[in-house]
Structure formats: structure tokens, C-alpha cells
Protein backbone atom coordinates (compact mmCIF):
# COMPACT_ATOMS: atom_id res chain seq x y z
CA MET A 1 -1.01 -18.73 1.26
CA ASN A 2 -2.09 -15.88 3.49
CA PRO A 3 -2.50 -12.63 1.54
CA GLU A 4 -0.88 -9.63 3.15
CA LYS A 5 -1.82 -6.03 2.45
CA ILE A 6 1.16 -3.71 2.25
CA ASN A 7 1.62 -0.15 1.05
CA ILE A 8 4.49 0.44 -1.35
CA ALA A 9 5.84 3.49 -3.13
CA GLU A 10 4.93 4.03 -6.76
CA LYS A 11 6.55 1.44 -9.01
CA VAL A 12 7.16 0.97 -12.71
CA ILE A 13 5.83 -2.40 -13.82
CA HIS A 14 7.74 -4.47 -16.38
CA GLY A 15 6.44 -7.67 -17.85
CA ILE A 16 3.93 -9.19 -20.19
CA SER A 17 0.18 -8.83 -20.19
CA VAL A 18 -3.03 -10.51 -21.22
CA THR A 19 -6.65 -9.42 -21.22
CA THR A 20 -8.99 -11.74 -19.32
CA ASN A 21 -11.77 -11.70 -16.75
CA ASN A 22 -12.74 -13.65 -13.66
CA LYS A 23 -15.33 -15.75 -15.51
CA ASN A 24 -12.81 -16.91 -18.12
CA GLU A 25 -10.25 -17.78 -15.47
CA GLN A 26 -12.67 -20.29 -13.92
CA SER A 27 -12.35 -22.69 -16.88
CA PRO A 28 -9.11 -24.35 -18.01
CA VAL A 29 -10.31 -23.96 -21.60
CA THR A 30 -10.55 -20.15 -21.44
CA ALA A 31 -8.07 -19.36 -18.64
CA LYS A 32 -5.09 -17.23 -19.66
CA LEU A 33 -3.21 -16.33 -16.49
CA MET A 34 -1.53 -19.68 -15.85
CA LYS A 35 -0.37 -19.78 -19.48
CA LEU A 36 0.97 -16.26 -19.13
CA TRP A 37 3.00 -17.17 -16.02
CA GLY A 38 4.26 -20.30 -17.78
CA SER A 39 5.42 -18.24 -20.74
CA PHE A 40 7.09 -15.71 -18.42
CA PHE A 41 9.20 -18.40 -16.76
CA GLU A 42 9.82 -20.54 -19.87
CA LYS A 43 11.23 -17.58 -21.79
CA GLY A 44 13.37 -16.42 -18.85
CA LEU A 45 11.79 -12.98 -18.97
CA MET A 46 12.71 -12.17 -15.37
CA ALA A 47 16.36 -11.95 -16.42
CA GLN A 48 15.45 -9.44 -19.14
CA ILE A 49 13.89 -6.85 -16.81
CA PRO A 50 16.22 -3.82 -16.59
CA ASN A 51 17.57 -2.25 -13.39
CA GLN A 52 16.63 -5.11 -11.07
CA GLN A 53 17.64 -4.94 -7.44
CA GLN A 54 19.05 -8.05 -5.77
CA ASN A 55 16.42 -10.16 -4.00
CA SER A 56 13.57 -7.84 -4.94
CA PRO A 57 10.10 -9.42 -4.78
CA MET A 58 8.09 -10.39 -7.85
CA PHE A 59 4.49 -9.21 -8.14
CA GLY A 60 1.60 -10.32 -10.31
CA VAL A 61 -0.69 -7.40 -11.08
CA TYR A 62 -4.34 -8.00 -11.89
CA SER A 63 -6.19 -4.77 -12.57
CA LEU A 64 -9.04 -3.10 -14.34
CA PRO A 65 -8.29 -1.48 -17.70
CA VAL A 66 -6.86 2.01 -17.47
CA ARG A 67 -8.85 4.57 -19.38
CA PHE A 68 -7.44 8.00 -20.14
């Protein structure tokens, strides 16, 4: 996989979330992201996202907590 940097317009993100950190993701015992993706696909959550456009890409978003 070759990461590609692109600029996109503002988007609304739909999906499920989990709180984790890079250290925890290094161990299969404490990792959460792979389980989250598994749950997303097992439950067919993609089909439940409203207002989808045909053939639109899917993104995984990993970010710092938002503080207001």
C-alpha cells in the first residue's frame, strides 16, 4: 500500500468509534482497531449509512480527541 495525500472538501463522518492509542495497537491483546473494523463489516454497517453516493470511497479516520 502506498499512502496518498489528497485534499478533500469538508465531510460528515458516519460510523463507529473506539478510543485507543498507538501503544495499545502494537499488541494483539490490547489492540482495538482490527476488532472495530471486523464489527463494522460483520454487522453490515456500511449499508446503514444514510445518503451514500454510488462508488464513494471508504475512509478510516484516526485522530486526536476533539476538545471544545
